[in-house]
Protein backbone atom coordinates (compact mmCIF):
# COMPACT_ATOMS: atom_id res chain seq x y z
CA MET A 1 12.71 -3.68 -4.12
CA LYS A 2 13.44 -4.41 -7.77
CA ILE A 3 10.61 -6.13 -9.79
CA SER A 4 11.28 -7.86 -13.17
CA SER A 5 8.64 -7.06 -16.07
CA ARG A 6 7.16 -10.57 -15.74
CA ASP A 7 6.37 -9.95 -12.06
CA ASN A 8 5.09 -6.29 -12.66
CA ASP A 9 2.71 -7.70 -15.37
CA ALA A 10 1.54 -10.27 -12.70
CA ALA A 11 0.90 -7.46 -10.25
CA GLN A 12 -0.99 -5.33 -12.88
CA ALA A 13 -3.48 -8.45 -13.86
CA LEU A 14 -4.39 -8.85 -10.31
CA LEU A 15 -4.77 -5.15 -9.70
CA ASP A 16 -7.11 -5.31 -12.83
CA ALA A 17 -9.03 -8.34 -11.37
CA TYR A 18 -10.02 -6.35 -8.70
CA ARG A 19 -11.49 -3.59 -10.60
CA THR A 20 -13.27 -5.97 -13.22
CA HIS A 21 -13.76 -8.82 -11.32
CA ASN A 22 -12.19 -10.86 -14.19
CA THR A 23 -9.88 -13.49 -12.47
CA VAL A 24 -6.73 -14.71 -13.83
CA ALA A 25 -5.20 -18.08 -14.26
CA PRO A 26 -2.89 -19.25 -11.69
CA LEU A 27 0.38 -17.30 -12.00
CA THR A 28 2.14 -20.56 -11.51
CA ASP A 29 0.66 -21.88 -14.68
CA ALA A 30 2.62 -19.13 -16.72
CA ASP A 31 5.56 -19.01 -14.51
CA PRO A 32 5.75 -22.61 -12.67
CA GLY A 33 9.41 -21.33 -11.18
CA LEU A 34 7.64 -18.42 -9.54
CA SER A 35 9.41 -18.30 -6.06
CA VAL A 36 8.20 -17.16 -2.71
CA GLU A 37 10.42 -13.87 -2.75
CA GLY A 38 9.02 -13.30 -6.31
CA ALA A 39 5.37 -13.60 -5.08
CA TYR A 40 6.05 -11.18 -2.28
CA ARG A 41 7.35 -8.88 -4.66
CA ILE A 42 4.16 -9.11 -6.75
CA GLN A 43 2.30 -8.76 -3.48
CA LEU A 44 4.11 -5.34 -2.34
CA GLU A 45 3.69 -3.87 -5.77
CA GLN A 46 -0.02 -4.15 -5.37
CA VAL A 47 0.09 -2.56 -1.95
CA GLN A 48 2.62 0.28 -3.24
CA ALA A 49 -0.34 1.01 -6.03
CA TRP A 50 -3.17 1.27 -3.40
CA LYS A 51 -0.92 3.29 -1.03
CA THR A 52 -0.42 6.04 -4.08
CA ASP A 53 -4.13 5.47 -4.62
CA GLY A 54 -4.60 7.04 -0.76
CA ARG A 55 -5.23 3.61 0.77
CA THR A 56 -3.36 2.92 4.04
CA VAL A 57 -2.22 -0.29 5.82
CA LYS A 58 -3.91 -0.83 9.08
CA GLY A 59 -2.44 -4.37 9.82
CA HIS A 60 -1.40 -7.62 8.73
CA LYS A 61 -2.91 -11.09 8.32
CA VAL A 62 -0.96 -14.47 8.61
CA GLY A 63 -2.56 -17.43 6.52
CA LEU A 64 -1.57 -20.97 6.14
CA THR A 65 -1.64 -21.28 9.95
CA SER A 66 -3.11 -24.90 10.14
CA ARG A 67 -1.05 -28.26 9.59
CA ALA A 68 -3.86 -28.91 7.07
CA MET A 69 -3.76 -26.33 4.94
CA GLN A 70 0.34 -26.55 4.91
CA VAL A 71 -0.05 -29.99 3.90
CA GLN A 72 -2.44 -29.13 1.10
CA LEU A 73 0.09 -26.88 -0.21
CA GLY A 74 3.20 -28.42 0.47
CA VAL A 75 4.64 -25.82 2.64
CA ASP A 76 6.09 -25.94 6.33
CA GLN A 77 5.44 -22.03 7.12
CA PRO A 78 2.96 -19.44 7.04
CA ASP A 79 2.37 -16.69 4.55
CA PHE A 80 1.34 -12.82 5.13
CA GLY A 81 -0.88 -10.12 3.78
CA HIS A 82 -1.55 -6.77 4.22
CA LEU A 83 -4.95 -5.23 5.72
CA MET A 84 -5.81 -2.14 4.18
CA ASP A 85 -8.20 0.56 5.71
CA ASP A 86 -10.98 -0.02 3.52
CA MET A 87 -10.96 -3.69 4.05
CA PHE A 88 -12.73 -3.47 7.47
CA PHE A 89 -16.61 -3.64 8.46
CA ALA A 90 -18.34 -3.14 11.45
CA ASP A 91 -20.03 -5.94 13.59
CA THR A 92 -23.63 -6.59 11.73
CA ASP A 93 -23.50 -3.68 9.38
CA PRO A 94 -24.55 -4.95 5.35
CA ILE A 95 -21.52 -6.04 3.54
CA LYS A 96 -21.82 -5.87 -0.47
CA ALA A 97 -21.40 -9.51 -1.58
CA GLY A 98 -20.43 -7.67 -4.98
CA ARG A 99 -17.29 -6.17 -3.90
CA PHE A 100 -15.92 -9.78 -3.44
CA ILE A 101 -15.36 -12.33 -6.30
CA SER A 102 -15.63 -15.77 -4.39
CA PRO A 103 -15.94 -15.02 -0.81
CA LYS A 104 -15.16 -17.40 2.15
CA VAL A 105 -15.42 -16.51 5.83
CA GLU A 106 -13.10 -17.79 8.87
CA PRO A 107 -13.26 -16.99 12.20
CA GLU A 108 -10.36 -15.70 14.13
CA PHE A 109 -8.87 -13.78 16.93
CA ALA A 110 -7.88 -10.04 16.29
CA PHE A 111 -4.93 -8.67 18.14
CA VAL A 112 -4.55 -4.95 18.42
CA LEU A 113 -1.36 -3.86 19.35
CA GLY A 114 -0.74 -1.37 22.11
CA LYS A 115 2.86 -1.00 21.36
CA SER A 116 5.53 -1.83 18.37
CA LEU A 117 7.10 -5.02 17.57
CA THR A 118 10.17 -5.06 15.64
CA GLY A 119 11.96 -8.55 14.43
CA PRO A 120 14.01 -10.44 14.07
CA GLY A 121 14.46 -12.03 17.76
CA VAL A 122 10.91 -11.13 18.78
CA THR A 123 9.71 -13.68 21.55
CA ALA A 124 6.67 -14.84 22.92
CA ALA A 125 6.59 -13.26 26.10
CA GLU A 126 7.31 -9.96 23.94
CA ALA A 127 4.73 -10.59 21.58
CA LEU A 128 2.27 -11.09 24.19
CA SER A 129 3.16 -7.89 26.16
CA ALA A 130 2.52 -5.92 22.74
CA ILE A 131 -1.16 -6.88 22.55
CA ASP A 132 -3.26 -4.32 23.97
CA TYR A 133 -6.34 -6.31 23.38
CA VAL A 134 -7.91 -9.16 21.70
CA VAL A 135 -11.74 -9.14 19.72
CA GLY A 136 -13.28 -11.93 17.93
CA ALA A 137 -13.14 -11.40 13.95
CA LEU A 138 -14.57 -12.75 10.81
CA GLU A 139 -11.91 -12.51 8.16
CA ILE A 140 -13.50 -12.66 4.53
CA ILE A 141 -11.00 -14.39 2.19
CA ASP A 142 -11.28 -13.86 -1.47
CA SER A 143 -9.24 -14.96 -4.51
CA ARG A 144 -8.28 -13.29 -7.91
CA ILE A 145 -7.05 -16.34 -8.92
CA THR A 146 -9.64 -18.27 -11.41
CA ASN A 147 -11.61 -21.21 -9.05
CA TRP A 148 -9.24 -20.67 -6.30
CA LYS A 149 -6.66 -23.00 -8.11
CA ILE A 150 -3.75 -21.73 -6.13
CA LYS A 151 -0.47 -22.85 -4.79
CA LEU A 152 1.48 -21.15 -2.62
CA ALA A 153 2.86 -18.45 -4.49
CA ASP A 154 -0.27 -17.70 -6.03
CA THR A 155 -1.86 -17.09 -3.09
CA ILE A 156 1.04 -14.89 -1.63
CA ALA A 157 1.12 -13.09 -4.81
CA ASP A 158 -2.75 -12.34 -4.21
CA ASN A 159 -2.08 -10.70 -0.77
CA ALA A 160 -2.41 -14.00 0.69
CA SER A 161 -6.26 -14.15 -0.69
CA SER A 162 -7.36 -11.14 1.34
CA GLY A 163 -10.75 -9.63 1.12
CA GLY A 164 -12.04 -7.78 4.31
CA VAL A 165 -12.25 -7.92 8.06
CA VAL A 166 -15.14 -7.85 10.50
CA LEU A 167 -14.07 -6.84 13.84
CA GLY A 168 -16.01 -7.75 17.13
CA SER A 169 -16.82 -5.34 19.75
CA LYS A 170 -16.30 -6.81 22.94
CA PRO A 171 -12.49 -6.47 23.54
CA VAL A 172 -10.81 -8.75 26.15
CA LYS A 173 -7.20 -8.40 27.81
CA PRO A 174 -4.82 -11.27 26.53
CA ALA A 175 -4.29 -12.09 30.05
CA ASP A 176 -7.98 -13.15 30.46
CA LEU A 177 -8.00 -15.57 27.63
CA ASP A 178 -6.34 -19.07 26.95
CA LEU A 179 -5.43 -18.35 23.31
CA ARG A 180 -5.02 -21.92 22.80
CA THR A 181 -8.20 -23.18 24.14
CA THR A 182 -10.73 -20.50 23.71
CA GLY A 183 -13.04 -21.90 21.16
CA VAL A 184 -15.67 -20.67 18.48
CA ASN A 185 -18.65 -21.87 16.82
CA LEU A 186 -19.52 -20.73 13.10
CA SER A 187 -22.84 -20.89 11.55
CA ARG A 188 -24.09 -19.87 8.37
CA ASN A 189 -27.69 -18.67 8.25
CA GLY A 190 -28.46 -20.05 11.66
CA GLU A 191 -26.91 -23.82 11.12
CA LEU A 192 -23.62 -24.64 12.80
CA VAL A 193 -21.25 -25.42 10.19
CA ALA A 194 -17.66 -25.64 12.00
CA SER A 195 -16.14 -25.56 15.71
CA GLY A 196 -12.94 -24.80 16.51
CA ALA A 197 -10.24 -23.53 19.15
CA GLY A 198 -6.95 -21.11 19.04
CA GLY A 199 -4.85 -24.02 19.37
CA ALA A 200 -5.33 -24.77 15.52
CA VAL A 201 -3.32 -21.83 14.95
CA LEU A 202 0.20 -23.05 14.88
CA GLU A 203 -0.84 -24.71 18.24
CA SER A 204 -1.22 -21.05 19.58
CA PRO A 205 -2.39 -17.81 17.64
CA LEU A 206 0.45 -15.97 19.57
CA ASN A 207 3.00 -17.96 17.57
CA ALA A 208 1.66 -16.45 14.44
CA LEU A 209 2.09 -13.16 15.68
CA VAL A 210 6.08 -14.06 16.82
CA TRP A 211 6.37 -15.52 13.12
CA LEU A 212 5.20 -12.14 11.48
CA ALA A 213 7.18 -9.92 13.70
CA ASN A 214 10.23 -12.05 12.83
CA THR A 215 9.35 -12.24 9.03
CA LEU A 216 8.49 -8.67 8.30
CA GLY A 217 11.55 -7.19 10.58
CA PRO A 218 14.38 -8.36 8.31
CA LEU A 219 12.41 -6.58 5.50
CA GLY A 220 12.47 -3.14 7.28
CA VAL A 221 8.88 -3.44 8.47
CA THR A 222 7.49 -2.78 11.92
CA LEU A 223 4.13 -3.98 13.42
CA LYS A 224 3.47 -0.55 14.71
CA ALA A 225 1.04 0.37 17.61
CA GLY A 226 -2.72 0.20 16.87
CA SER A 227 -2.29 -2.36 14.13
CA VAL A 228 -4.62 -5.06 13.91
CA ILE A 229 -3.21 -8.70 13.45
CA LEU A 230 -5.11 -11.80 12.33
CA PRO A 231 -3.23 -14.64 13.43
CA GLY A 232 -5.32 -17.27 11.53
CA SER A 233 -8.31 -19.05 11.29
CA MET A 234 -9.51 -21.49 13.92
CA THR A 235 -11.81 -23.89 11.59
CA ALA A 236 -12.03 -24.43 7.88
CA ALA A 237 -13.76 -21.54 5.70
CA VAL A 238 -17.21 -21.54 4.86
CA ALA A 239 -18.36 -19.99 1.51
CA ALA A 240 -20.64 -17.02 1.58
CA GLY A 241 -22.70 -15.32 -1.11
CA PRO A 242 -25.43 -12.52 -1.39
CA GLY A 243 -28.30 -12.83 1.47
CA ASP A 244 -25.99 -15.12 3.66
CA THR A 245 -25.43 -14.29 7.40
CA ILE A 246 -22.37 -15.92 8.79
CA SER A 247 -21.59 -15.73 12.68
CA ALA A 248 -19.27 -16.57 14.86
CA SER A 249 -19.69 -17.24 18.76
CA PHE A 250 -16.81 -16.92 20.61
CA ALA A 251 -15.85 -18.26 24.11
CA GLY A 252 -13.92 -16.14 26.73
CA GLY A 253 -16.30 -13.24 26.71
CA LEU A 254 -15.38 -12.23 23.03
CA GLY A 255 -19.01 -12.50 22.28
CA THR A 256 -20.61 -13.06 18.50
CA VAL A 257 -19.23 -11.45 15.55
CA THR A 258 -21.44 -11.42 12.47
CA ALA A 259 -21.31 -10.67 8.91
CA ASN A 260 -24.45 -10.00 6.85
CA PHE A 261 -24.02 -10.33 3.01
CA ALA A 262 -26.31 -7.85 1.16
CA ASN A 263 -27.83 -8.66 -2.23
C-alpha cells in the first residue's frame, strides 16, 4: 500500500509519541482533507513498524460501535485497530500507568476465534460459529493525540486509540450467552460508575465481528483462528490513573475482570 510523504510523517510522529509520551496535534488540523483511507494507511504504517520490531498482531478491536459515539464524530460506521502481543495483561496483575498517556477503560466482551473468518460475505451465523468462546474484558484506550481532540481520521490513524487489553479468565461458549442482553457493571475504586449491556454494541456485538470480517476481507486480511476480537464497549469509558482499580462485573457467568493501575 503506497503511502504519501505527508502520511508517512504522520505515522512517524505517532510512533514517536509512543516512545516519548509527547502527544501530537490532531492530524486533521494540519490536513483537514485526511480521508478514512489515508488514516488507515497511517495506521498500517505503524503496524508494519511494530512488526519489524518483532511484535505480532494477536487480534483486532472495533471502535465507534455505539450510536452516541457515531453521532459525536459524525460517522455512520465503526472503525478498527490492531491488538499487538504486548498490549495484553492478565486479570488483576499490576499495570504500569506510566506506559500510557491518558488512559480510559471500557468493559467489553472478547471473542476468541476457534476458526478463521474471511470476508466479504460473512454472515452472522458464520461469525457466531467461528467464536470458540467469550470472556469478559477491559479495553484500555489511549490517545497519542493531544487532549483526545480527535475526529474520525485522527482516531483511525492512531490505531483506533488502542492501548491495552485485560482478559477475563472465565470462558463461556457463545451458545450459552445472549450477547444482546448480557450486562455489566463498571466500577472505579469500588464505586459503580456505569452499567450497560451487549445491545449497546451495534445492537449486538456479533454485528461488530461481521462488520470487521467483511471490512478486512477485501484488504486481504483474514481473522485467524486464535485471534482475540474486541467488538466494542458496553458503556462509556472511564478515566484511569495511577492507583486506580477498575473492575467490570459481567453477567452470564463471565465473572469480574479487574485492571489495577500501579503508581
